[in-house]
Amino acid sequence: MPRSGNAVASKKHKKKILNYAKGFYGARSKLYTVAKNAVEKSFQYSYMGRKMKKRNFRKLWIKRINAAARKNGISYSNLIFFFNKKNFVLNRKGLADLAMKNFKNVNYCYCLD
């Protein structure tokens, strides 16, 4: 008896991969094996990108807090130390927002390194 594969499922899987690869350049969007490698790599990049985004925003918030703190004559590290000492609970995102709203004339660094 001849061997039968599962053509329906394998075709569906290949179609799914090629749909993910739409818009890729050349063979990366046309050939299954090349597209599969490109899609796997793109998923890795997107995963890393989500982690890097969090890191970059934290760096940006710290820069903004530091700029506002130095405008008031205190360093960022001392400010955080005193907040922790007094059990003042506010995350860096909130502090950066307060710094931006209350200190309009501070030169902020908007770059996401």
C-alpha atoms as a PDB file:
ATOM      1  CA  MET A   1       0.000   0.000   0.000  1.00  0.00           C
ATOM      2  CA  PRO A   2       1.457   3.410  -0.933  1.00  0.00           C
ATOM      3  CA  ARG A   3       2.366   5.908   1.758  1.00  0.00           C
ATOM      4  CA  SER A   4       0.027   8.859   2.070  1.00  0.00           C
ATOM      5  CA  GLY A   5       1.007  12.166   3.571  1.00  0.00           C
ATOM      6  CA  ASN A   6      -1.214  14.771   5.082  1.00  0.00           C
ATOM      7  CA  ALA A   7      -1.306  17.183   2.158  1.00  0.00           C
ATOM      8  CA  VAL A   8      -4.064  19.364   3.586  1.00  0.00           C
ATOM      9  CA  ALA A   9      -2.269  20.126   6.845  1.00  0.00           C
ATOM     10  CA  SER A  10       1.173  20.579   5.276  1.00  0.00           C
ATOM     11  CA  LYS A  11      -0.213  22.900   2.591  1.00  0.00           C
ATOM     12  CA  LYS A  12      -2.001  24.929   5.267  1.00  0.00           C
ATOM     13  CA  HIS A  13       1.213  25.218   7.288  1.00  0.00           C
ATOM     14  CA  LYS A  14       3.241  26.309   4.255  1.00  0.00           C
ATOM     15  CA  LYS A  15       0.592  28.846   3.279  1.00  0.00           C
ATOM     16  CA  LYS A  16       0.656  30.270   6.800  1.00  0.00           C
ATOM     17  CA  ILE A  17       4.446  30.723   6.672  1.00  0.00           C
ATOM     18  CA  LEU A  18       4.279  32.337   3.214  1.00  0.00           C
ATOM     19  CA  ASN A  19       1.562  34.704   4.456  1.00  0.00           C
ATOM     20  CA  TYR A  20       3.855  35.792   7.306  1.00  0.00           C
ATOM     21  CA  ALA A  21       6.576  36.410   4.703  1.00  0.00           C
ATOM     22  CA  LYS A  22       4.478  38.708   2.516  1.00  0.00           C
ATOM     23  CA  GLY A  23       6.382  41.883   1.781  1.00  0.00           C
ATOM     24  CA  PHE A  24       9.790  40.260   2.229  1.00  0.00           C
ATOM     25  CA  TYR A  25      12.274  40.751  -0.601  1.00  0.00           C
ATOM     26  CA  GLY A  26      12.728  38.228  -3.417  1.00  0.00           C
ATOM     27  CA  ALA A  27      12.853  34.522  -2.588  1.00  0.00           C
ATOM     28  CA  ARG A  28      12.206  35.266   1.074  1.00  0.00           C
ATOM     29  CA  SER A  29       8.555  35.767   0.211  1.00  0.00           C
ATOM     30  CA  LYS A  30       8.224  33.141  -2.538  1.00  0.00           C
ATOM     31  CA  LEU A  31      10.106  29.953  -1.582  1.00  0.00           C
ATOM     32  CA  TYR A  32       8.941  28.024   1.454  1.00  0.00           C
ATOM     33  CA  THR A  33      12.305  27.017   2.962  1.00  0.00           C
ATOM     34  CA  VAL A  34      13.818  30.483   2.527  1.00  0.00           C
ATOM     35  CA  ALA A  35      10.632  32.112   3.799  1.00  0.00           C
ATOM     36  CA  LYS A  36      10.562  29.812   6.831  1.00  0.00           C
ATOM     37  CA  ASN A  37      14.074  30.898   7.840  1.00  0.00           C
ATOM     38  CA  ALA A  38      13.236  34.558   7.261  1.00  0.00           C
ATOM     39  CA  VAL A  39      10.024  34.336   9.291  1.00  0.00           C
ATOM     40  CA  GLU A  40      11.782  32.568  12.192  1.00  0.00           C
ATOM     41  CA  LYS A  41      14.440  35.283  12.234  1.00  0.00           C
ATOM     42  CA  SER A  42      11.823  38.021  12.062  1.00  0.00           C
ATOM     43  CA  PHE A  43      10.030  36.517  15.067  1.00  0.00           C
ATOM     44  CA  GLN A  44      13.321  36.547  16.975  1.00  0.00           C
ATOM     45  CA  TYR A  45      13.873  40.196  16.075  1.00  0.00           C
ATOM     46  CA  SER A  46      10.346  41.152  17.106  1.00  0.00           C
ATOM     47  CA  TYR A  47      10.743  39.376  20.459  1.00  0.00           C
ATOM     48  CA  MET A  48      14.062  41.123  21.107  1.00  0.00           C
ATOM     49  CA  GLY A  49      12.543  44.417  19.959  1.00  0.00           C
ATOM     50  CA  ARG A  50       9.785  44.212  22.558  1.00  0.00           C
ATOM     51  CA  LYS A  51      12.414  43.735  25.275  1.00  0.00           C
ATOM     52  CA  MET A  52      14.625  46.527  23.915  1.00  0.00           C
ATOM     53  CA  LYS A  53      11.663  48.909  23.827  1.00  0.00           C
ATOM     54  CA  LYS A  54      11.174  48.461  27.576  1.00  0.00           C
ATOM     55  CA  ARG A  55      14.886  49.052  28.225  1.00  0.00           C
ATOM     56  CA  ASN A  56      14.983  52.160  26.055  1.00  0.00           C
ATOM     57  CA  PHE A  57      11.935  53.715  27.691  1.00  0.00           C
ATOM     58  CA  ARG A  58      13.364  53.094  31.169  1.00  0.00           C
ATOM     59  CA  LYS A  59      16.589  54.828  30.082  1.00  0.00           C
ATOM     60  CA  LEU A  60      14.575  57.756  28.713  1.00  0.00           C
ATOM     61  CA  TRP A  61      12.582  58.111  31.942  1.00  0.00           C
ATOM     62  CA  ILE A  62      15.781  58.067  34.010  1.00  0.00           C
ATOM     63  CA  LYS A  63      17.276  60.809  31.814  1.00  0.00           C
ATOM     64  CA  ARG A  64      14.182  62.972  32.247  1.00  0.00           C
ATOM     65  CA  ILE A  65      14.081  62.474  36.024  1.00  0.00           C
ATOM     66  CA  ASN A  66      17.806  63.219  36.254  1.00  0.00           C
ATOM     67  CA  ALA A  67      17.412  66.449  34.259  1.00  0.00           C
ATOM     68  CA  ALA A  68      14.614  67.683  36.511  1.00  0.00           C
ATOM     69  CA  ALA A  69      16.432  66.600  39.676  1.00  0.00           C
ATOM     70  CA  ARG A  70      19.638  68.383  38.683  1.00  0.00           C
ATOM     71  CA  LYS A  71      17.602  71.497  37.927  1.00  0.00           C
ATOM     72  CA  ASN A  72      16.645  71.397  41.610  1.00  0.00           C
ATOM     73  CA  GLY A  73      20.190  70.727  42.818  1.00  0.00           C
ATOM     74  CA  ILE A  74      20.077  67.002  43.549  1.00  0.00           C
ATOM     75  CA  SER A  75      21.403  64.027  41.611  1.00  0.00           C
ATOM     76  CA  TYR A  76      19.224  61.215  40.298  1.00  0.00           C
ATOM     77  CA  SER A  77      20.806  58.598  42.548  1.00  0.00           C
ATOM     78  CA  ASN A  78      20.263  60.715  45.691  1.00  0.00           C
ATOM     79  CA  LEU A  79      16.668  61.415  44.679  1.00  0.00           C
ATOM     80  CA  ILE A  80      15.890  57.697  44.269  1.00  0.00           C
ATOM     81  CA  PHE A  81      17.717  56.941  47.535  1.00  0.00           C
ATOM     82  CA  PHE A  82      15.583  59.452  49.460  1.00  0.00           C
ATOM     83  CA  PHE A  83      12.375  58.168  47.846  1.00  0.00           C
ATOM     84  CA  ASN A  84      13.226  54.620  48.888  1.00  0.00           C
ATOM     85  CA  LYS A  85      14.207  55.766  52.379  1.00  0.00           C
ATOM     86  CA  LYS A  86      10.844  57.505  52.871  1.00  0.00           C
ATOM     87  CA  ASN A  87       8.922  54.566  51.290  1.00  0.00           C
ATOM     88  CA  PHE A  88       7.645  56.865  48.561  1.00  0.00           C
ATOM     89  CA  VAL A  89       6.217  54.491  45.961  1.00  0.00           C
ATOM     90  CA  LEU A  90       6.148  55.892  42.437  1.00  0.00           C
ATOM     91  CA  ASN A  91       7.661  54.228  39.403  1.00  0.00           C
ATOM     92  CA  ARG A  92      10.086  55.904  37.021  1.00  0.00           C
ATOM     93  CA  LYS A  93       7.427  56.351  34.357  1.00  0.00           C
ATOM     94  CA  GLY A  94       5.285  58.365  36.773  1.00  0.00           C
ATOM     95  CA  LEU A  95       8.244  60.385  38.027  1.00  0.00           C
ATOM     96  CA  ALA A  96       9.298  61.217  34.476  1.00  0.00           C
ATOM     97  CA  ASP A  97       5.752  62.346  33.694  1.00  0.00           C
ATOM     98  CA  LEU A  98       5.747  64.598  36.771  1.00  0.00           C
ATOM     99  CA  ALA A  99       9.157  65.963  35.806  1.00  0.00           C
ATOM    100  CA  MET A 100       7.969  66.843  32.317  1.00  0.00           C
ATOM    101  CA  LYS A 101       4.779  68.527  33.502  1.00  0.00           C
ATOM    102  CA  ASN A 102       6.316  70.528  36.354  1.00  0.00           C
ATOM    103  CA  PHE A 103       9.598  71.632  34.795  1.00  0.00           C
ATOM    104  CA  LYS A 104       8.868  73.054  31.369  1.00  0.00           C
ATOM    105  CA  ASN A 105      12.260  74.735  30.912  1.00  0.00           C
ATOM    106  CA  VAL A 106      14.365  71.595  31.445  1.00  0.00           C
ATOM    107  CA  ASN A 107      16.261  70.412  28.369  1.00  0.00           C
ATOM    108  CA  TYR A 108      15.001  66.869  27.951  1.00  0.00           C
ATOM    109  CA  CYS A 109      16.721  64.199  25.954  1.00  0.00           C
ATOM    110  CA  TYR A 110      14.097  62.721  23.643  1.00  0.00           C
ATOM    111  CA  CYS A 111      16.461  60.299  21.929  1.00  0.00           C
ATOM    112  CA  LEU A 112      15.854  56.580  22.389  1.00  0.00           C
ATOM    113  CA  ASP A 113      19.447  55.314  22.375  1.00  0.00           C
END
